[in-house]
Amino acid sequence: MNEEKKNNTKPKKDSPLNNWAVFSGMAFQMAISIAGGVFLGIWLDKKIPNKFSAFTIGCSLLGVFIALYQVYKTLKSLDNDKNS
């Protein structure tokens, strides 16, 4: 009977180290999404010059929205895992 208990143990999903890894991963995802949008906008502004750097502004805002959506999805899945 002790062997059954050992084999059916699941790793803790709520461990502080696991939460730290998830949240630090979210920070890197946000940074990469936003930086990617900014660099894409700068590249487009060099290719297609305009008066207001519209591509840089637009692509950086798009990067922010993508980053926020990724955070939302991650937090929603964490909440679903916690409630299961």
N, C-alpha and C. Protein backbone atom coordinates (compact mmCIF):
# COMPACT_ATOMS: atom_id res chain seq x y z
N MET A 1 0.82 -1.18 0.00
CA MET A 1 0.00 0.00 0.00
C MET A 1 0.87 1.25 0.00
N ASN A 2 2.02 1.22 0.64
CA ASN A 2 2.91 2.37 0.65
C ASN A 2 3.45 2.66 -0.74
N GLU A 3 3.65 1.60 -1.53
CA GLU A 3 4.14 1.80 -2.89
C GLU A 3 3.12 2.53 -3.75
N GLU A 4 1.83 2.25 -3.55
CA GLU A 4 0.79 2.94 -4.31
C GLU A 4 0.80 4.43 -4.01
N LYS A 5 0.98 4.78 -2.75
CA LYS A 5 1.00 6.20 -2.38
C LYS A 5 2.21 6.88 -2.99
N LYS A 6 3.34 6.22 -3.05
CA LYS A 6 4.54 6.82 -3.61
C LYS A 6 4.39 7.04 -5.11
N ASN A 7 3.76 6.11 -5.80
CA ASN A 7 3.62 6.22 -7.25
C ASN A 7 2.56 7.22 -7.66
N ASN A 8 1.59 7.50 -6.82
CA ASN A 8 0.51 8.41 -7.16
C ASN A 8 0.77 9.85 -6.72
N THR A 9 1.92 10.12 -6.19
CA THR A 9 2.20 11.49 -5.75
C THR A 9 2.45 12.36 -6.97
N LYS A 10 1.90 13.56 -6.92
CA LYS A 10 2.08 14.52 -7.99
C LYS A 10 2.95 15.66 -7.48
N PRO A 11 3.73 16.26 -8.36
CA PRO A 11 4.53 17.40 -7.91
C PRO A 11 3.64 18.58 -7.54
N LYS A 12 4.05 19.33 -6.55
CA LYS A 12 3.26 20.47 -6.12
C LYS A 12 3.34 21.57 -7.18
N LYS A 13 2.18 22.05 -7.60
CA LYS A 13 2.14 23.12 -8.58
C LYS A 13 2.23 24.49 -7.90
N ASP A 14 1.96 24.54 -6.62
CA ASP A 14 1.94 25.81 -5.91
C ASP A 14 3.25 26.10 -5.19
N SER A 15 4.31 25.43 -5.54
CA SER A 15 5.58 25.68 -4.86
C SER A 15 6.08 27.08 -5.21
N PRO A 16 6.74 27.75 -4.28
CA PRO A 16 7.23 29.11 -4.55
C PRO A 16 8.21 29.17 -5.72
N LEU A 17 9.02 28.15 -5.87
CA LEU A 17 9.98 28.14 -6.97
C LEU A 17 9.27 28.06 -8.32
N ASN A 18 8.22 27.26 -8.40
CA ASN A 18 7.45 27.14 -9.64
C ASN A 18 6.77 28.47 -9.96
N ASN A 19 6.17 29.11 -8.96
CA ASN A 19 5.52 30.40 -9.20
C ASN A 19 6.55 31.44 -9.63
N TRP A 20 7.72 31.43 -9.01
CA TRP A 20 8.76 32.38 -9.38
C TRP A 20 9.16 32.19 -10.84
N ALA A 21 9.30 30.95 -11.25
CA ALA A 21 9.70 30.66 -12.63
C ALA A 21 8.63 31.13 -13.62
N VAL A 22 7.36 30.91 -13.28
CA VAL A 22 6.29 31.32 -14.18
C VAL A 22 6.25 32.83 -14.32
N PHE A 23 6.35 33.55 -13.21
CA PHE A 23 6.26 35.00 -13.27
C PHE A 23 7.50 35.64 -13.89
N SER A 24 8.67 35.08 -13.66
CA SER A 24 9.85 35.63 -14.32
C SER A 24 9.80 35.32 -15.82
N GLY A 25 9.24 34.20 -16.19
CA GLY A 25 9.06 33.89 -17.61
C GLY A 25 8.10 34.87 -18.27
N MET A 26 7.05 35.25 -17.54
CA MET A 26 6.11 36.24 -18.08
C MET A 26 6.81 37.58 -18.30
N ALA A 27 7.71 37.96 -17.40
CA ALA A 27 8.43 39.23 -17.55
C ALA A 27 9.30 39.20 -18.80
N PHE A 28 9.98 38.08 -19.04
CA PHE A 28 10.80 37.97 -20.25
C PHE A 28 9.94 37.99 -21.51
N GLN A 29 8.77 37.33 -21.47
CA GLN A 29 7.87 37.36 -22.62
C GLN A 29 7.41 38.78 -22.92
N MET A 30 7.07 39.51 -21.86
CA MET A 30 6.63 40.89 -22.05
C MET A 30 7.75 41.74 -22.65
N ALA A 31 8.95 41.60 -22.11
CA ALA A 31 10.07 42.40 -22.60
C ALA A 31 10.37 42.10 -24.07
N ILE A 32 10.33 40.83 -24.43
CA ILE A 32 10.62 40.45 -25.81
C ILE A 32 9.53 40.95 -26.76
N SER A 33 8.27 40.84 -26.35
CA SER A 33 7.16 41.31 -27.20
C SER A 33 7.24 42.82 -27.43
N ILE A 34 7.47 43.56 -26.37
CA ILE A 34 7.52 45.02 -26.49
C ILE A 34 8.75 45.45 -27.27
N ALA A 35 9.91 44.87 -26.96
CA ALA A 35 11.13 45.23 -27.68
C ALA A 35 11.02 44.85 -29.16
N GLY A 36 10.41 43.71 -29.44
CA GLY A 36 10.22 43.32 -30.84
C GLY A 36 9.36 44.31 -31.59
N GLY A 37 8.30 44.79 -30.95
CA GLY A 37 7.44 45.80 -31.58
C GLY A 37 8.18 47.10 -31.82
N VAL A 38 8.98 47.52 -30.85
CA VAL A 38 9.74 48.77 -31.01
C VAL A 38 10.75 48.65 -32.14
N PHE A 39 11.51 47.56 -32.16
CA PHE A 39 12.53 47.39 -33.21
C PHE A 39 11.89 47.24 -34.59
N LEU A 40 10.74 46.56 -34.65
CA LEU A 40 10.04 46.47 -35.93
C LEU A 40 9.58 47.85 -36.39
N GLY A 41 9.06 48.64 -35.48
CA GLY A 41 8.62 50.00 -35.82
C GLY A 41 9.77 50.88 -36.27
N ILE A 42 10.91 50.78 -35.59
CA ILE A 42 12.08 51.57 -36.00
C ILE A 42 12.55 51.16 -37.38
N TRP A 43 12.56 49.85 -37.64
CA TRP A 43 12.97 49.36 -38.96
C TRP A 43 12.02 49.85 -40.04
N LEU A 44 10.70 49.79 -39.76
CA LEU A 44 9.73 50.27 -40.75
C LEU A 44 9.85 51.78 -40.98
N ASP A 45 10.11 52.53 -39.91
CA ASP A 45 10.28 53.98 -40.08
C ASP A 45 11.51 54.32 -40.91
N LYS A 46 12.55 53.50 -40.84
CA LYS A 46 13.73 53.74 -41.69
C LYS A 46 13.42 53.40 -43.14
N LYS A 47 12.63 52.34 -43.35
CA LYS A 47 12.28 51.93 -44.72
C LYS A 47 11.29 52.89 -45.35
N ILE A 48 10.30 53.32 -44.56
CA ILE A 48 9.24 54.21 -45.06
C ILE A 48 9.22 55.45 -44.16
N PRO A 49 10.02 56.43 -44.46
CA PRO A 49 10.10 57.62 -43.60
C PRO A 49 8.76 58.35 -43.52
N ASN A 50 8.46 58.84 -42.32
CA ASN A 50 7.27 59.66 -42.13
C ASN A 50 7.57 60.71 -41.07
N LYS A 51 6.66 61.64 -40.91
CA LYS A 51 6.91 62.80 -40.06
C LYS A 51 6.84 62.49 -38.56
N PHE A 52 6.00 61.56 -38.16
CA PHE A 52 5.72 61.36 -36.74
C PHE A 52 6.22 60.03 -36.17
N SER A 53 7.03 59.30 -36.88
CA SER A 53 7.49 57.96 -36.45
C SER A 53 6.28 57.08 -36.11
N ALA A 54 5.32 57.09 -36.99
CA ALA A 54 4.06 56.39 -36.74
C ALA A 54 4.24 54.88 -36.60
N PHE A 55 5.15 54.31 -37.36
CA PHE A 55 5.35 52.86 -37.26
C PHE A 55 5.94 52.46 -35.91
N THR A 56 6.86 53.26 -35.41
CA THR A 56 7.45 52.96 -34.10
C THR A 56 6.38 53.03 -33.01
N ILE A 57 5.57 54.06 -33.05
CA ILE A 57 4.51 54.22 -32.05
C ILE A 57 3.49 53.09 -32.18
N GLY A 58 3.04 52.83 -33.38
CA GLY A 58 2.03 51.80 -33.60
C GLY A 58 2.50 50.40 -33.26
N CYS A 59 3.70 50.06 -33.70
CA CYS A 59 4.23 48.71 -33.43
C CYS A 59 4.57 48.52 -31.95
N SER A 60 5.03 49.58 -31.29
CA SER A 60 5.31 49.44 -29.86
C SER A 60 4.02 49.26 -29.08
N LEU A 61 2.97 49.97 -29.45
CA LEU A 61 1.67 49.76 -28.80
C LEU A 61 1.13 48.36 -29.08
N LEU A 62 1.31 47.88 -30.30
CA LEU A 62 0.90 46.52 -30.62
C LEU A 62 1.68 45.51 -29.77
N GLY A 63 2.97 45.76 -29.57
CA GLY A 63 3.78 44.89 -28.71
C GLY A 63 3.28 44.89 -27.27
N VAL A 64 2.86 46.05 -26.77
CA VAL A 64 2.31 46.14 -25.41
C VAL A 64 1.02 45.34 -25.31
N PHE A 65 0.14 45.49 -26.29
CA PHE A 65 -1.13 44.75 -26.26
C PHE A 65 -0.90 43.24 -26.35
N ILE A 66 0.03 42.82 -27.17
CA ILE A 66 0.36 41.40 -27.27
C ILE A 66 0.91 40.89 -25.95
N ALA A 67 1.77 41.68 -25.30
CA ALA A 67 2.33 41.29 -24.01
C ALA A 67 1.24 41.17 -22.95
N LEU A 68 0.32 42.12 -22.93
CA LEU A 68 -0.77 42.06 -21.96
C LEU A 68 -1.68 40.85 -22.21
N TYR A 69 -1.90 40.52 -23.47
CA TYR A 69 -2.71 39.35 -23.78
C TYR A 69 -2.01 38.07 -23.33
N GLN A 70 -0.70 38.01 -23.50
CA GLN A 70 0.04 36.84 -23.04
C GLN A 70 -0.04 36.70 -21.53
N VAL A 71 0.06 37.81 -20.81
CA VAL A 71 -0.05 37.78 -19.35
C VAL A 71 -1.45 37.31 -18.95
N TYR A 72 -2.47 37.82 -19.63
CA TYR A 72 -3.84 37.42 -19.34
C TYR A 72 -4.03 35.92 -19.53
N LYS A 73 -3.53 35.39 -20.64
CA LYS A 73 -3.67 33.95 -20.89
C LYS A 73 -2.94 33.13 -19.84
N THR A 74 -1.74 33.55 -19.47
CA THR A 74 -0.96 32.81 -18.48
C THR A 74 -1.63 32.83 -17.12
N LEU A 75 -2.11 34.00 -16.70
CA LEU A 75 -2.78 34.09 -15.40
C LEU A 75 -4.09 33.30 -15.38
N LYS A 76 -4.79 33.31 -16.51
CA LYS A 76 -6.03 32.54 -16.59
C LYS A 76 -5.74 31.05 -16.48
N SER A 77 -4.69 30.58 -17.13
CA SER A 77 -4.37 29.15 -17.05
C SER A 77 -3.87 28.78 -15.65
N LEU A 78 -3.14 29.68 -14.99
CA LEU A 78 -2.71 29.43 -13.61
C LEU A 78 -3.91 29.34 -12.68
N ASP A 79 -4.89 30.20 -12.89
CA ASP A 79 -6.10 30.18 -12.07
C ASP A 79 -6.89 28.90 -12.31
N ASN A 80 -6.98 28.47 -13.57
CA ASN A 80 -7.68 27.23 -13.88
C ASN A 80 -6.98 26.03 -13.25
N ASP A 81 -5.65 26.03 -13.27
CA ASP A 81 -4.89 24.93 -12.65
C ASP A 81 -5.08 24.92 -11.15
N LYS A 82 -5.15 26.09 -10.55
CA LYS A 82 -5.30 26.19 -9.10
C LYS A 82 -6.70 25.73 -8.66
N ASN A 83 -7.71 26.05 -9.46
CA ASN A 83 -9.08 25.68 -9.11
C ASN A 83 -9.40 24.21 -9.43
N SER A 84 -8.58 23.57 -10.24
CA SER A 84 -8.85 22.18 -10.61
C SER A 84 -8.52 21.22 -9.48
